[in-house]
Protein backbone atom coordinates (compact mmCIF):
# COMPACT_ATOMS: atom_id res chain seq x y z
CA UNK A 1 117.72 165.31 76.21
CA UNK A 2 120.06 163.65 73.76
CA UNK A 3 123.51 162.12 74.24
CA UNK A 4 125.43 165.32 73.56
CA UNK A 5 123.28 167.27 76.04
CA UNK A 6 123.78 164.56 78.67
CA UNK A 7 127.53 164.55 78.10
CA UNK A 8 127.65 168.36 78.27
CA UNK A 9 125.65 168.41 81.53
CA UNK A 10 127.92 165.84 83.16
CA UNK A 11 131.05 167.74 82.12
CA UNK A 12 129.56 171.04 83.32
CA UNK A 13 129.92 169.88 86.93
CA UNK A 14 133.02 171.45 88.53
CA UNK A 15 136.09 169.24 88.16
CA UNK A 16 134.24 166.63 86.08
CA UNK A 17 136.18 164.48 83.63
CA UNK A 18 135.16 161.84 81.10
CA UNK A 19 137.08 158.57 81.10
CA UNK A 20 136.70 155.22 79.33
CA UNK A 21 137.86 152.50 81.77
CA UNK A 22 135.27 149.99 80.46
CA UNK A 23 136.03 150.54 76.77
CA UNK A 24 135.32 153.27 74.23
CA UNK A 25 131.55 152.73 74.27
CA UNK A 26 131.05 153.60 77.97
CA UNK A 27 131.58 157.17 79.13
CA UNK A 28 132.39 157.31 82.82
CA UNK A 29 132.07 160.75 84.37
CA UNK A 30 134.24 161.29 87.43
CA UNK A 31 135.15 163.97 89.90
CA UNK A 32 138.42 163.64 91.83
CA UNK A 33 138.72 160.08 90.47
CA UNK A 34 135.27 159.00 91.74
CA UNK A 35 132.47 158.02 89.37
CA UNK A 36 129.22 159.98 89.50
CA UNK A 37 127.65 158.98 86.16
CA UNK A 38 128.01 156.24 83.56
CA UNK A 39 126.47 156.08 80.08
CA UNK A 40 126.82 154.32 76.75
CA UNK A 41 126.12 157.53 74.84
CA UNK A 42 125.67 155.78 71.48
CA UNK A 43 122.97 153.38 72.67
CA UNK A 44 119.27 153.64 72.00
CA UNK A 45 117.46 154.24 74.20
CA UNK A 46 119.90 156.52 75.92
CA UNK A 47 120.52 155.64 79.57
CA UNK A 48 122.59 157.07 82.38
CA UNK A 49 123.43 155.51 85.72
CA UNK A 50 123.68 157.88 88.67
CA UNK A 51 124.39 157.50 92.36
CA UNK A 52 121.49 158.16 94.72
CA UNK A 53 120.63 158.12 98.42
CA UNK A 54 119.23 154.60 99.06
CA UNK A 55 115.79 155.68 100.34
CA UNK A 56 115.35 158.18 97.52
CA UNK A 57 116.48 155.55 94.99
CA UNK A 58 113.66 153.23 96.07
CA UNK A 59 111.12 156.05 95.97
CA UNK A 60 112.19 157.15 92.47
CA UNK A 61 111.95 153.58 91.16
CA UNK A 62 108.42 153.27 92.57
CA UNK A 63 107.39 156.59 91.00
CA UNK A 64 108.96 156.36 87.55
CA UNK A 65 109.09 153.27 85.31
CA UNK A 66 112.07 154.86 83.49
CA UNK A 67 114.16 154.63 86.69
CA UNK A 68 115.34 151.20 87.79
CA UNK A 69 118.10 149.70 89.94
CA UNK A 70 121.59 150.40 88.62
CA UNK A 71 122.63 148.03 85.85
CA UNK A 72 125.85 146.21 86.86
CA UNK A 73 126.21 148.56 89.83
CA UNK A 74 125.39 148.48 93.54
CA UNK A 75 121.61 148.50 93.31
CA UNK A 76 121.25 150.06 96.75
CA UNK A 77 123.15 153.20 95.71
CA UNK A 78 122.75 153.47 91.93
CA UNK A 79 119.83 153.99 89.56
CA UNK A 80 119.80 153.55 85.80
CA UNK A 81 117.65 156.17 84.11
CA UNK A 82 116.20 155.69 80.63
CA UNK A 83 116.18 158.95 78.70
CA UNK A 84 113.44 158.48 76.12
CA UNK A 85 111.19 161.47 76.80
CA UNK A 86 109.23 159.78 79.61
CA UNK A 87 111.03 161.90 82.24
CA UNK A 88 111.39 165.67 82.16
CA UNK A 89 114.90 166.73 81.12
CA UNK A 90 115.16 168.80 84.31
CA UNK A 91 114.61 165.68 86.44
CA UNK A 92 117.44 163.90 84.60
CA UNK A 93 119.72 166.93 85.10
CA UNK A 94 118.77 167.06 88.79
CA UNK A 95 119.52 163.35 89.27
CA UNK A 96 122.95 163.68 87.65
CA UNK A 97 123.70 166.78 89.72
CA UNK A 98 122.52 165.03 92.89
CA UNK A 99 124.82 162.13 92.08
CA UNK A 100 127.73 164.53 91.65
CA UNK A 101 126.89 166.24 94.95
CA UNK A 102 126.67 162.90 96.75
CA UNK A 103 130.12 161.90 95.49
CA UNK A 104 131.71 165.29 96.20
CA UNK A 105 130.23 165.43 99.70
CA UNK A 106 132.29 162.35 100.59
CA UNK A 107 135.57 163.86 99.36
CA UNK A 108 138.09 165.44 101.74
CA UNK A 109 137.35 169.05 102.71
CA UNK A 110 140.43 170.29 100.87
CA UNK A 111 139.21 168.73 97.60
CA UNK A 112 135.68 170.08 98.08
CA UNK A 113 137.14 173.55 98.61
CA UNK A 114 139.37 173.23 95.52
CA UNK A 115 136.27 172.37 93.49
CA UNK A 116 134.44 175.39 94.90
CA UNK A 117 131.63 173.02 95.84
CA UNK A 118 128.70 174.77 97.47
CA UNK A 119 125.76 172.36 97.75
CA UNK A 120 123.42 175.05 99.06
CA UNK A 121 123.97 177.23 96.00
CA UNK A 122 122.04 176.16 92.94
CA UNK A 123 124.19 175.65 89.81
CA UNK A 124 121.21 175.09 87.57
């Protein structure tokens, strides 16, 4: 996965938008004004930070050296994922999608319905 594929995947999520609140070098992907992914798309190695259930976050970090506590984020809820070929692209896509789902699940029902969010239906 390269930067353009990562950006495309993030923006493929229903209602997703890219913003630059931390400067032009940091893409922040949001849904309904809430961040679900953060990446400096021009950096090498490419990294993305994604929200994660706390217990799963710990398990992923123990299983994959390319996944570590979120850089400059709440380390209990965020992981930073290095995208350098060590992880399967599908795992990276799944982690971004899981982050999106986690954020959307906390939104008001009306907003979830407007997004057409259906967590049980696979969007892959």
